[in-house]
Amino acid sequence: MEIRIERVYDDPSSADGFRVLVDRLWPRGLSKERADLDLWAKEVAPSTELRKEFHHEGMSWDAFAAAYRAELAVNPAVPQLRDELRGHGVVTLLHSVHDAVQNHAVLLREALLAS
């Protein structure tokens, strides 16, 4: 399985395969039609507390990554999502974060590919 990462605000493409929004909150100003999702997996997103610490309180990327990896390790929604994605050749994880390198979808992709 190939797992790609894109911003949910980017135009959908036929190359995206199975499109999964991995944000806990619905992206501002985006209609469900324009998002063109196959699944909204909000239960695998960072906890509300962790999201707020990182985006609003200045938590470092390294601290966020460690804390989110710890959340992912015990989150029962992660193996459930992995099982659901197995039948798809290409999966695109969608997020609304501006930073393409330091965002939770990158860490989630690692966790999904780990086993």
PDB file of N, CA and C in Angstrom:
ATOM      1  N   MET A   1       0.840  -1.174   0.000  1.00  0.00           N
ATOM      2  CA  MET A   1       0.000   0.000   0.000  1.00  0.00           C
ATOM      3  C   MET A   1       0.890   1.243   0.000  1.00  0.00           C
ATOM      4  N   GLU A   2       0.528   2.185  -0.813  1.00  0.00           N
ATOM      5  CA  GLU A   2       1.228   3.475  -0.854  1.00  0.00           C
ATOM      6  C   GLU A   2       0.394   4.485  -0.086  1.00  0.00           C
ATOM      7  N   ILE A   3       1.011   5.197   0.862  1.00  0.00           N
ATOM      8  CA  ILE A   3       0.304   6.222   1.627  1.00  0.00           C
ATOM      9  C   ILE A   3       0.914   7.573   1.310  1.00  0.00           C
ATOM     10  N   ARG A   4       0.090   8.437   0.744  1.00  0.00           N
ATOM     11  CA  ARG A   4       0.500   9.800   0.405  1.00  0.00           C
ATOM     12  C   ARG A   4      -0.071  10.765   1.437  1.00  0.00           C
ATOM     13  N   ILE A   5       0.465  11.975   1.436  1.00  0.00           N
ATOM     14  CA  ILE A   5      -0.014  13.022   2.342  1.00  0.00           C
ATOM     15  C   ILE A   5      -0.244  14.283   1.524  1.00  0.00           C
ATOM     16  N   GLU A   6      -1.416  14.882   1.699  1.00  0.00           N
ATOM     17  CA  GLU A   6      -1.766  16.117   0.992  1.00  0.00           C
ATOM     18  C   GLU A   6      -2.552  17.025   1.931  1.00  0.00           C
ATOM     19  N   ARG A   7      -2.578  18.296   1.602  1.00  0.00           N
ATOM     20  CA  ARG A   7      -3.475  19.225   2.309  1.00  0.00           C
ATOM     21  C   ARG A   7      -4.878  19.017   1.769  1.00  0.00           C
ATOM     22  N   VAL A   8      -5.841  19.030   2.634  1.00  0.00           N
ATOM     23  CA  VAL A   8      -7.229  18.818   2.234  1.00  0.00           C
ATOM     24  C   VAL A   8      -7.737  19.954   1.348  1.00  0.00           C
ATOM     25  N   TYR A   9      -7.088  21.103   1.409  1.00  0.00           N
ATOM     26  CA  TYR A   9      -7.491  22.250   0.593  1.00  0.00           C
ATOM     27  C   TYR A   9      -7.006  22.142  -0.851  1.00  0.00           C
ATOM     28  N   ASP A  10      -6.055  21.238  -1.124  1.00  0.00           N
ATOM     29  CA  ASP A  10      -5.596  21.030  -2.496  1.00  0.00           C
ATOM     30  C   ASP A  10      -6.691  20.329  -3.290  1.00  0.00           C
ATOM     31  N   ASP A  11      -6.702  20.568  -4.588  1.00  0.00           N
ATOM     32  CA  ASP A  11      -7.723  19.940  -5.430  1.00  0.00           C
ATOM     33  C   ASP A  11      -7.564  18.426  -5.438  1.00  0.00           C
ATOM     34  N   PRO A  12      -8.674  17.694  -5.299  1.00  0.00           N
ATOM     35  CA  PRO A  12      -8.609  16.236  -5.376  1.00  0.00           C
ATOM     36  C   PRO A  12      -8.108  15.775  -6.737  1.00  0.00           C
ATOM     37  N   SER A  13      -7.461  14.623  -6.747  1.00  0.00           N
ATOM     38  CA  SER A  13      -6.933  14.057  -7.978  1.00  0.00           C
ATOM     39  C   SER A  13      -7.329  12.589  -8.052  1.00  0.00           C
ATOM     40  N   SER A  14      -7.473  12.075  -9.242  1.00  0.00           N
ATOM     41  CA  SER A  14      -7.784  10.651  -9.394  1.00  0.00           C
ATOM     42  C   SER A  14      -6.620   9.793  -8.889  1.00  0.00           C
ATOM     43  N   ALA A  15      -5.418  10.354  -8.823  1.00  0.00           N
ATOM     44  CA  ALA A  15      -4.247   9.626  -8.325  1.00  0.00           C
ATOM     45  C   ALA A  15      -4.246   9.497  -6.805  1.00  0.00           C
ATOM     46  N   ASP A  16      -5.157  10.203  -6.113  1.00  0.00           N
ATOM     47  CA  ASP A  16      -5.203  10.171  -4.651  1.00  0.00           C
ATOM     48  C   ASP A  16      -5.627   8.817  -4.097  1.00  0.00           C
ATOM     49  N   GLY A  17      -6.339   8.049  -4.866  1.00  0.00           N
ATOM     50  CA  GLY A  17      -6.846   6.786  -4.354  1.00  0.00           C
ATOM     51  C   GLY A  17      -7.897   7.022  -3.284  1.00  0.00           C
ATOM     52  N   PHE A  18      -7.791   6.310  -2.178  1.00  0.00           N
ATOM     53  CA  PHE A  18      -8.731   6.396  -1.058  1.00  0.00           C
ATOM     54  C   PHE A  18      -8.350   7.606  -0.209  1.00  0.00           C
ATOM     55  N   ARG A  19      -9.242   8.583  -0.114  1.00  0.00           N
ATOM     56  CA  ARG A  19      -8.957   9.861   0.545  1.00  0.00           C
ATOM     57  C   ARG A  19      -9.483   9.858   1.979  1.00  0.00           C
ATOM     58  N   VAL A  20      -8.557  10.092   2.935  1.00  0.00           N
ATOM     59  CA  VAL A  20      -8.896  10.026   4.357  1.00  0.00           C
ATOM     60  C   VAL A  20      -8.496  11.322   5.052  1.00  0.00           C
ATOM     61  N   LEU A  21      -9.481  12.027   5.594  1.00  0.00           N
ATOM     62  CA  LEU A  21      -9.194  13.212   6.409  1.00  0.00           C
ATOM     63  C   LEU A  21      -8.790  12.741   7.794  1.00  0.00           C
ATOM     64  N   VAL A  22      -7.632  13.204   8.273  1.00  0.00           N
ATOM     65  CA  VAL A  22      -7.113  12.759   9.570  1.00  0.00           C
ATOM     66  C   VAL A  22      -7.018  13.906  10.577  1.00  0.00           C
ATOM     67  N   ASP A  23      -7.862  14.909  10.431  1.00  0.00           N
ATOM     68  CA  ASP A  23      -7.960  16.016  11.387  1.00  0.00           C
ATOM     69  C   ASP A  23      -9.153  15.777  12.308  1.00  0.00           C
ATOM     70  N   ARG A  24      -9.035  16.205  13.549  1.00  0.00           N
ATOM     71  CA  ARG A  24     -10.134  16.067  14.509  1.00  0.00           C
ATOM     72  C   ARG A  24     -11.245  17.073  14.210  1.00  0.00           C
ATOM     73  N   LEU A  25     -10.873  18.249  13.727  1.00  0.00           N
ATOM     74  CA  LEU A  25     -11.843  19.301  13.419  1.00  0.00           C
ATOM     75  C   LEU A  25     -12.036  19.398  11.907  1.00  0.00           C
ATOM     76  N   TRP A  26     -13.261  19.729  11.487  1.00  0.00           N
ATOM     77  CA  TRP A  26     -13.514  19.912  10.060  1.00  0.00           C
ATOM     78  C   TRP A  26     -12.782  21.176   9.589  1.00  0.00           C
ATOM     79  N   PRO A  27     -12.103  21.114   8.446  1.00  0.00           N
ATOM     80  CA  PRO A  27     -11.347  22.273   7.939  1.00  0.00           C
ATOM     81  C   PRO A  27     -12.261  23.461   7.618  1.00  0.00           C
ATOM     82  N   ARG A  28     -11.843  24.625   8.066  1.00  0.00           N
ATOM     83  CA  ARG A  28     -12.631  25.847   7.861  1.00  0.00           C
ATOM     84  C   ARG A  28     -12.817  26.148   6.380  1.00  0.00           C
ATOM     85  N   GLY A  29     -14.038  26.537   6.050  1.00  0.00           N
ATOM     86  CA  GLY A  29     -14.338  27.019   4.707  1.00  0.00           C
ATOM     87  C   GLY A  29     -14.350  25.950   3.629  1.00  0.00           C
ATOM     88  N   LEU A  30     -14.314  24.693   3.990  1.00  0.00           N
ATOM     89  CA  LEU A  30     -14.267  23.607   3.007  1.00  0.00           C
ATOM     90  C   LEU A  30     -15.582  22.840   3.023  1.00  0.00           C
ATOM     91  N   SER A  31     -16.207  22.747   1.871  1.00  0.00           N
ATOM     92  CA  SER A  31     -17.445  21.971   1.789  1.00  0.00           C
ATOM     93  C   SER A  31     -17.122  20.485   1.715  1.00  0.00           C
ATOM     94  N   LYS A  32     -18.079  19.678   2.110  1.00  0.00           N
ATOM     95  CA  LYS A  32     -17.875  18.224   2.047  1.00  0.00           C
ATOM     96  C   LYS A  32     -17.745  17.767   0.602  1.00  0.00           C
ATOM     97  N   GLU A  33     -18.420  18.431  -0.297  1.00  0.00           N
ATOM     98  CA  GLU A  33     -18.324  18.076  -1.716  1.00  0.00           C
ATOM     99  C   GLU A  33     -16.919  18.349  -2.247  1.00  0.00           C
ATOM    100  N   ARG A  34     -16.369  19.497  -1.901  1.00  0.00           N
ATOM    101  CA  ARG A  34     -15.031  19.857  -2.378  1.00  0.00           C
ATOM    102  C   ARG A  34     -13.956  18.960  -1.745  1.00  0.00           C
ATOM    103  N   ALA A  35     -14.179  18.548  -0.511  1.00  0.00           N
ATOM    104  CA  ALA A  35     -13.209  17.682   0.167  1.00  0.00           C
ATOM    105  C   ALA A  35     -13.125  16.318  -0.508  1.00  0.00           C
ATOM    106  N   ASP A  36     -14.233  15.831  -1.026  1.00  0.00           N
ATOM    107  CA  ASP A  36     -14.274  14.565  -1.767  1.00  0.00           C
ATOM    108  C   ASP A  36     -13.610  13.425  -0.973  1.00  0.00           C
ATOM    109  N   LEU A  37     -14.109  13.225   0.248  1.00  0.00           N
ATOM    110  CA  LEU A  37     -13.523  12.227   1.146  1.00  0.00           C
ATOM    111  C   LEU A  37     -14.150  10.852   0.971  1.00  0.00           C
ATOM    112  N   ASP A  38     -13.358   9.850   1.265  1.00  0.00           N
ATOM    113  CA  ASP A  38     -13.876   8.497   1.397  1.00  0.00           C
ATOM    114  C   ASP A  38     -14.090   8.154   2.869  1.00  0.00           C
ATOM    115  N   LEU A  39     -13.332   8.831   3.747  1.00  0.00           N
ATOM    116  CA  LEU A  39     -13.410   8.542   5.175  1.00  0.00           C
ATOM    117  C   LEU A  39     -12.898   9.743   5.957  1.00  0.00           C
ATOM    118  N   TRP A  40     -13.546  10.008   7.096  1.00  0.00           N
ATOM    119  CA  TRP A  40     -13.043  11.009   8.041  1.00  0.00           C
ATOM    120  C   TRP A  40     -12.642  10.244   9.297  1.00  0.00           C
ATOM    121  N   ALA A  41     -11.353  10.088   9.516  1.00  0.00           N
ATOM    122  CA  ALA A  41     -10.823   9.302  10.630  1.00  0.00           C
ATOM    123  C   ALA A  41     -10.349  10.229  11.743  1.00  0.00           C
ATOM    124  N   LYS A  42     -11.265  10.976  12.325  1.00  0.00           N
ATOM    125  CA  LYS A  42     -10.881  11.964  13.332  1.00  0.00           C
ATOM    126  C   LYS A  42     -10.368  11.332  14.622  1.00  0.00           C
ATOM    127  N   GLU A  43     -10.704  10.057  14.859  1.00  0.00           N
ATOM    128  CA  GLU A  43     -10.254   9.427  16.102  1.00  0.00           C
ATOM    129  C   GLU A  43      -8.767   9.098  16.113  1.00  0.00           C
ATOM    130  N   VAL A  44      -8.075   9.202  14.957  1.00  0.00           N
ATOM    131  CA  VAL A  44      -6.620   8.983  14.929  1.00  0.00           C
ATOM    132  C   VAL A  44      -5.835  10.296  14.970  1.00  0.00           C
ATOM    133  N   ALA A  45      -6.538  11.404  14.997  1.00  0.00           N
ATOM    134  CA  ALA A  45      -5.881  12.715  15.071  1.00  0.00           C
ATOM    135  C   ALA A  45      -5.335  12.930  16.484  1.00  0.00           C
ATOM    136  N   PRO A  46      -4.413  13.865  16.634  1.00  0.00           N
ATOM    137  CA  PRO A  46      -3.919  14.177  17.985  1.00  0.00           C
ATOM    138  C   PRO A  46      -5.073  14.589  18.900  1.00  0.00           C
ATOM    139  N   SER A  47      -4.935  14.295  20.171  1.00  0.00           N
ATOM    140  CA  SER A  47      -5.955  14.707  21.145  1.00  0.00           C
ATOM    141  C   SER A  47      -6.116  16.228  21.101  1.00  0.00           C
ATOM    142  N   THR A  48      -7.248  16.691  21.570  1.00  0.00           N
ATOM    143  CA  THR A  48      -7.510  18.130  21.591  1.00  0.00           C
ATOM    144  C   THR A  48      -6.439  18.857  22.394  1.00  0.00           C
ATOM    145  N   GLU A  49      -6.058  18.290  23.536  1.00  0.00           N
ATOM    146  CA  GLU A  49      -5.060  18.927  24.388  1.00  0.00           C
ATOM    147  C   GLU A  49      -3.709  19.036  23.675  1.00  0.00           C
ATOM    148  N   LEU A  50      -3.305  17.963  23.021  1.00  0.00           N
ATOM    149  CA  LEU A  50      -2.023  17.956  22.320  1.00  0.00           C
ATOM    150  C   LEU A  50      -2.041  18.922  21.140  1.00  0.00           C
ATOM    151  N   ARG A  51      -3.127  18.935  20.399  1.00  0.00           N
ATOM    152  CA  ARG A  51      -3.262  19.852  19.266  1.00  0.00           C
ATOM    153  C   ARG A  51      -3.133  21.300  19.731  1.00  0.00           C
ATOM    154  N   LYS A  52      -3.804  21.638  20.818  1.00  0.00           N
ATOM    155  CA  LYS A  52      -3.749  23.009  21.336  1.00  0.00           C
ATOM    156  C   LYS A  52      -2.347  23.370  21.817  1.00  0.00           C
ATOM    157  N   GLU A  53      -1.688  22.442  22.505  1.00  0.00           N
ATOM    158  CA  GLU A  53      -0.326  22.716  22.983  1.00  0.00           C
ATOM    159  C   GLU A  53       0.616  22.993  21.822  1.00  0.00           C
ATOM    160  N   PHE A  54       0.487  22.235  20.752  1.00  0.00           N
ATOM    161  CA  PHE A  54       1.388  22.388  19.608  1.00  0.00           C
ATOM    162  C   PHE A  54       1.072  23.630  18.786  1.00  0.00           C
ATOM    163  N   HIS A  55      -0.192  23.840  18.477  1.00  0.00           N
ATOM    164  CA  HIS A  55      -0.559  24.929  17.573  1.00  0.00           C
ATOM    165  C   HIS A  55      -0.742  26.273  18.269  1.00  0.00           C
ATOM    166  N   HIS A  56      -1.053  26.277  19.558  1.00  0.00           N
ATOM    167  CA  HIS A  56      -1.379  27.542  20.214  1.00  0.00           C
ATOM    168  C   HIS A  56      -0.473  27.902  21.384  1.00  0.00           C
ATOM    169  N   GLU A  57       0.230  26.913  21.931  1.00  0.00           N
ATOM    170  CA  GLU A  57       1.023  27.188  23.128  1.00  0.00           C
ATOM    171  C   GLU A  57       2.522  27.026  22.906  1.00  0.00           C
ATOM    172  N   GLY A  58       2.941  26.817  21.668  1.00  0.00           N
ATOM    173  CA  GLY A  58       4.359  26.810  21.357  1.00  0.00           C
ATOM    174  C   GLY A  58       5.116  25.538  21.674  1.00  0.00           C
ATOM    175  N   MET A  59       4.424  24.422  21.767  1.00  0.00           N
ATOM    176  CA  MET A  59       5.116  23.142  21.993  1.00  0.00           C
ATOM    177  C   MET A  59       6.057  22.883  20.823  1.00  0.00           C
ATOM    178  N   SER A  60       7.253  22.392  21.109  1.00  0.00           N
ATOM    179  CA  SER A  60       8.218  22.122  20.039  1.00  0.00           C
ATOM    180  C   SER A  60       7.766  20.932  19.197  1.00  0.00           C
ATOM    181  N   TRP A  61       8.286  20.865  17.972  1.00  0.00           N
ATOM    182  CA  TRP A  61       7.961  19.748  17.097  1.00  0.00           C
ATOM    183  C   TRP A  61       8.411  18.426  17.718  1.00  0.00           C
ATOM    184  N   ASP A  62       9.600  18.389  18.277  1.00  0.00           N
ATOM    185  CA  ASP A  62      10.112  17.154  18.862  1.00  0.00           C
ATOM    186  C   ASP A  62       9.231  16.667  20.012  1.00  0.00           C
ATOM    187  N   ALA A  63       8.801  17.588  20.859  1.00  0.00           N
ATOM    188  CA  ALA A  63       7.933  17.223  21.987  1.00  0.00           C
ATOM    189  C   ALA A  63       6.568  16.758  21.468  1.00  0.00           C
ATOM    190  N   PHE A  64       6.044  17.465  20.475  1.00  0.00           N
ATOM    191  CA  PHE A  64       4.767  17.062  19.882  1.00  0.00           C
ATOM    192  C   PHE A  64       4.878  15.676  19.264  1.00  0.00           C
ATOM    193  N   ALA A  65       5.929  15.451  18.488  1.00  0.00           N
ATOM    194  CA  ALA A  65       6.100  14.163  17.811  1.00  0.00           C
ATOM    195  C   ALA A  65       6.175  13.026  18.823  1.00  0.00           C
ATOM    196  N   ALA A  66       6.906  13.218  19.889  1.00  0.00           N
ATOM    197  CA  ALA A  66       7.021  12.173  20.916  1.00  0.00           C
ATOM    198  C   ALA A  66       5.668  11.915  21.581  1.00  0.00           C
ATOM    199  N   ALA A  67       4.958  12.976  21.911  1.00  0.00           N
ATOM    200  CA  ALA A  67       3.661  12.829  22.579  1.00  0.00           C
ATOM    201  C   ALA A  67       2.628  12.194  21.648  1.00  0.00           C
ATOM    202  N   TYR A  68       2.618  12.589  20.382  1.00  0.00           N
ATOM    203  CA  TYR A  68       1.646  12.019  19.442  1.00  0.00           C
ATOM    204  C   TYR A  68       1.969  10.557  19.143  1.00  0.00           C
ATOM    205  N   ARG A  69       3.242  10.230  19.011  1.00  0.00           N
ATOM    206  CA  ARG A  69       3.614   8.818  18.825  1.00  0.00           C
ATOM    207  C   ARG A  69       3.142   7.978  20.012  1.00  0.00           C
ATOM    208  N   ALA A  70       3.245   8.536  21.214  1.00  0.00           N
ATOM    209  CA  ALA A  70       2.771   7.822  22.405  1.00  0.00           C
ATOM    210  C   ALA A  70       1.251   7.635  22.342  1.00  0.00           C
ATOM    211  N   GLU A  71       0.529   8.656  21.896  1.00  0.00           N
ATOM    212  CA  GLU A  71      -0.922   8.518  21.731  1.00  0.00           C
ATOM    213  C   GLU A  71      -1.255   7.453  20.692  1.00  0.00           C
ATOM    214  N   LEU A  72      -0.547   7.486  19.568  1.00  0.00           N
ATOM    215  CA  LEU A  72      -0.811   6.523  18.498  1.00  0.00           C
ATOM    216  C   LEU A  72      -0.570   5.090  18.954  1.00  0.00           C
ATOM    217  N   ALA A  73       0.439   4.885  19.800  1.00  0.00           N
ATOM    218  CA  ALA A  73       0.811   3.545  20.248  1.00  0.00           C
ATOM    219  C   ALA A  73      -0.298   2.869  21.045  1.00  0.00           C
ATOM    220  N   VAL A  74      -1.143   3.643  21.696  1.00  0.00           N
ATOM    221  CA  VAL A  74      -2.209   3.057  22.527  1.00  0.00           C
ATOM    222  C   VAL A  74      -3.613   3.338  21.985  1.00  0.00           C
ATOM    223  N   ASN A  75      -3.697   3.959  20.831  1.00  0.00           N
ATOM    224  CA  ASN A  75      -5.000   4.311  20.256  1.00  0.00           C
ATOM    225  C   ASN A  75      -5.563   3.130  19.463  1.00  0.00           C
ATOM    226  N   PRO A  76      -6.683   2.538  19.904  1.00  0.00           N
ATOM    227  CA  PRO A  76      -7.243   1.387  19.191  1.00  0.00           C
ATOM    228  C   PRO A  76      -7.756   1.728  17.794  1.00  0.00           C
ATOM    229  N   ALA A  77      -7.933   3.006  17.514  1.00  0.00           N
ATOM    230  CA  ALA A  77      -8.404   3.408  16.181  1.00  0.00           C
ATOM    231  C   ALA A  77      -7.312   3.249  15.124  1.00  0.00           C
ATOM    232  N   VAL A  78      -6.043   3.220  15.527  1.00  0.00           N
ATOM    233  CA  VAL A  78      -4.939   3.098  14.566  1.00  0.00           C
ATOM    234  C   VAL A  78      -4.947   1.734  13.883  1.00  0.00           C
ATOM    235  N   PRO A  79      -4.962   0.612  14.621  1.00  0.00           N
ATOM    236  CA  PRO A  79      -5.024  -0.673  13.928  1.00  0.00           C
ATOM    237  C   PRO A  79      -6.327  -0.872  13.156  1.00  0.00           C
ATOM    238  N   GLN A  80      -7.407  -0.286  13.643  1.00  0.00           N
ATOM    239  CA  GLN A  80      -8.672  -0.362  12.908  1.00  0.00           C
ATOM    240  C   GLN A  80      -8.552   0.350  11.567  1.00  0.00           C
ATOM    241  N   LEU A  81      -7.941   1.520  11.569  1.00  0.00           N
ATOM    242  CA  LEU A  81      -7.742   2.257  10.318  1.00  0.00           C
ATOM    243  C   LEU A  81      -6.797   1.489   9.404  1.00  0.00           C
ATOM    244  N   ARG A  82      -5.722   0.951   9.941  1.00  0.00           N
ATOM    245  CA  ARG A  82      -4.775   0.168   9.147  1.00  0.00           C
ATOM    246  C   ARG A  82      -5.505  -0.980   8.442  1.00  0.00           C
ATOM    247  N   ASP A  83      -6.369  -1.671   9.166  1.00  0.00           N
ATOM    248  CA  ASP A  83      -7.140  -2.771   8.576  1.00  0.00           C
ATOM    249  C   ASP A  83      -8.057  -2.272   7.470  1.00  0.00           C
ATOM    250  N   GLU A  84      -8.687  -1.128   7.688  1.00  0.00           N
ATOM    251  CA  GLU A  84      -9.602  -0.580   6.692  1.00  0.00           C
ATOM    252  C   GLU A  84      -8.870  -0.137   5.423  1.00  0.00           C
ATOM    253  N   LEU A  85      -7.643   0.304   5.565  1.00  0.00           N
ATOM    254  CA  LEU A  85      -6.883   0.806   4.419  1.00  0.00           C
ATOM    255  C   LEU A  85      -6.215  -0.305   3.620  1.00  0.00           C
ATOM    256  N   ARG A  86      -6.070  -1.478   4.189  1.00  0.00           N
ATOM    257  CA  ARG A  86      -5.325  -2.560   3.540  1.00  0.00           C
ATOM    258  C   ARG A  86      -5.800  -2.892   2.135  1.00  0.00           C
ATOM    259  N   GLY A  87      -7.064  -2.785   1.857  1.00  0.00           N
ATOM    260  CA  GLY A  87      -7.578  -3.161   0.542  1.00  0.00           C
ATOM    261  C   GLY A  87      -7.367  -2.116  -0.535  1.00  0.00           C
ATOM    262  N   HIS A  88      -6.714  -1.029  -0.209  1.00  0.00           N
ATOM    263  CA  HIS A  88      -6.546   0.067  -1.165  1.00  0.00           C
ATOM    264  C   HIS A  88      -5.084   0.175  -1.590  1.00  0.00           C
ATOM    265  N   GLY A  89      -4.842   0.261  -2.877  1.00  0.00           N
ATOM    266  CA  GLY A  89      -3.476   0.378  -3.385  1.00  0.00           C
ATOM    267  C   GLY A  89      -2.843   1.704  -3.038  1.00  0.00           C
ATOM    268  N   VAL A  90      -3.615   2.780  -3.153  1.00  0.00           N
ATOM    269  CA  VAL A  90      -3.121   4.127  -2.845  1.00  0.00           C
ATOM    270  C   VAL A  90      -4.081   4.770  -1.851  1.00  0.00           C
ATOM    271  N   VAL A  91      -3.515   5.328  -0.800  1.00  0.00           N
ATOM    272  CA  VAL A  91      -4.278   6.038   0.218  1.00  0.00           C
ATOM    273  C   VAL A  91      -3.661   7.424   0.358  1.00  0.00           C
ATOM    274  N   THR A  92      -4.505   8.445   0.447  1.00  0.00           N
ATOM    275  CA  THR A  92      -4.006   9.797   0.693  1.00  0.00           C
ATOM    276  C   THR A  92      -4.562  10.286   2.018  1.00  0.00           C
ATOM    277  N   LEU A  93      -3.647  10.563   2.962  1.00  0.00           N
ATOM    278  CA  LEU A  93      -4.023  11.157   4.237  1.00  0.00           C
ATOM    279  C   LEU A  93      -4.117  12.655   4.039  1.00  0.00           C
ATOM    280  N   LEU A  94      -5.237  13.218   4.407  1.00  0.00           N
ATOM    281  CA  LEU A  94      -5.484  14.641   4.207  1.00  0.00           C
ATOM    282  C   LEU A  94      -5.484  15.378   5.536  1.00  0.00           C
ATOM    283  N   HIS A  95      -4.840  16.527   5.561  1.00  0.00           N
ATOM    284  CA  HIS A  95      -4.756  17.363   6.762  1.00  0.00           C
ATOM    285  C   HIS A  95      -4.910  18.813   6.350  1.00  0.00           C
ATOM    286  N   SER A  96      -5.151  19.683   7.334  1.00  0.00           N
ATOM    287  CA  SER A  96      -5.321  21.103   7.030  1.00  0.00           C
ATOM    288  C   SER A  96      -4.144  21.965   7.477  1.00  0.00           C
ATOM    289  N   VAL A  97      -3.101  21.351   7.985  1.00  0.00           N
ATOM    290  CA  VAL A  97      -1.937  22.076   8.503  1.00  0.00           C
ATOM    291  C   VAL A  97      -1.137  22.701   7.353  1.00  0.00           C
ATOM    292  N   HIS A  98      -0.601  23.896   7.573  1.00  0.00           N
ATOM    293  CA  HIS A  98       0.181  24.585   6.536  1.00  0.00           C
ATOM    294  C   HIS A  98       1.548  23.950   6.300  1.00  0.00           C
ATOM    295  N   ASP A  99       2.152  23.425   7.336  1.00  0.00           N
ATOM    296  CA  ASP A  99       3.499  22.872   7.238  1.00  0.00           C
ATOM    297  C   ASP A  99       3.436  21.459   6.666  1.00  0.00           C
ATOM    298  N   ALA A 100       4.043  21.251   5.518  1.00  0.00           N
ATOM    299  CA  ALA A 100       3.997  19.946   4.843  1.00  0.00           C
ATOM    300  C   ALA A 100       4.954  18.930   5.463  1.00  0.00           C
ATOM    301  N   VAL A 101       5.888  19.380   6.292  1.00  0.00           N
ATOM    302  CA  VAL A 101       6.895  18.482   6.856  1.00  0.00           C
ATOM    303  C   VAL A 101       6.600  18.156   8.323  1.00  0.00           C
ATOM    304  N   GLN A 102       6.245  19.171   9.089  1.00  0.00           N
ATOM    305  CA  GLN A 102       6.001  18.973  10.516  1.00  0.00           C
ATOM    306  C   GLN A 102       4.507  19.030  10.793  1.00  0.00           C
ATOM    307  N   ASN A 103       3.842  17.894  10.527  1.00  0.00           N
ATOM    308  CA  ASN A 103       2.421  17.787  10.815  1.00  0.00           C
ATOM    309  C   ASN A 103       2.096  16.364  11.235  1.00  0.00           C
ATOM    310  N   HIS A 104       0.962  16.203  11.872  1.00  0.00           N
ATOM    311  CA  HIS A 104       0.597  14.906  12.441  1.00  0.00           C
ATOM    312  C   HIS A 104       0.389  13.818  11.391  1.00  0.00           C
ATOM    313  N   ALA A 105       0.024  14.174  10.171  1.00  0.00           N
ATOM    314  CA  ALA A 105      -0.192  13.159   9.129  1.00  0.00           C
ATOM    315  C   ALA A 105       1.105  12.415   8.813  1.00  0.00           C
ATOM    316  N   VAL A 106       2.232  13.099   8.898  1.00  0.00           N
ATOM    317  CA  VAL A 106       3.533  12.466   8.660  1.00  0.00           C
ATOM    318  C   VAL A 106       3.776  11.380   9.709  1.00  0.00           C
ATOM    319  N   LEU A 107       3.472  11.687  10.956  1.00  0.00           N
ATOM    320  CA  LEU A 107       3.665  10.731  12.047  1.00  0.00           C
ATOM    321  C   LEU A 107       2.652   9.590  11.965  1.00  0.00           C
ATOM    322  N   LEU A 108       1.427   9.906  11.588  1.00  0.00           N
ATOM    323  CA  LEU A 108       0.407   8.873  11.428  1.00  0.00           C
ATOM    324  C   LEU A 108       0.784   7.919  10.299  1.00  0.00           C
ATOM    325  N   ARG A 109       1.307   8.458   9.218  1.00  0.00           N
ATOM    326  CA  ARG A 109       1.749   7.613   8.096  1.00  0.00           C
ATOM    327  C   ARG A 109       2.797   6.625   8.585  1.00  0.00           C
ATOM    328  N   GLU A 110       3.767   7.098   9.359  1.00  0.00           N
ATOM    329  CA  GLU A 110       4.800   6.210   9.929  1.00  0.00           C
ATOM    330  C   GLU A 110       4.164   5.068  10.718  1.00  0.00           C
ATOM    331  N   ALA A 111       3.187   5.423  11.565  1.00  0.00           N
ATOM    332  CA  ALA A 111       2.545   4.415  12.404  1.00  0.00           C
ATOM    333  C   ALA A 111       1.766   3.404  11.573  1.00  0.00           C
ATOM    334  N   LEU A 112       1.111   3.865  10.537  1.00  0.00           N
ATOM    335  CA  LEU A 112       0.320   2.963   9.700  1.00  0.00           C
ATOM    336  C   LEU A 112       1.202   2.016   8.894  1.00  0.00           C
ATOM    337  N   LEU A 113       2.359   2.478   8.506  1.00  0.00           N
ATOM    338  CA  LEU A 113       3.273   1.644   7.721  1.00  0.00           C
ATOM    339  C   LEU A 113       4.163   0.750   8.583  1.00  0.00           C
ATOM    340  N   ALA A 114       4.160   0.983   9.893  1.00  0.00           N
ATOM    341  CA  ALA A 114       5.078   0.280  10.788  1.00  0.00           C
ATOM    342  C   ALA A 114       4.836  -1.222  10.884  1.00  0.00           C
ATOM    343  N   SER A 115       3.622  -1.667  10.610  1.00  0.00           N
ATOM    344  CA  SER A 115       3.400  -3.107  10.737  1.00  0.00           C
ATOM    345  C   SER A 115       2.760  -3.705   9.513  1.00  0.00           C
TER     346      SER A 115
END
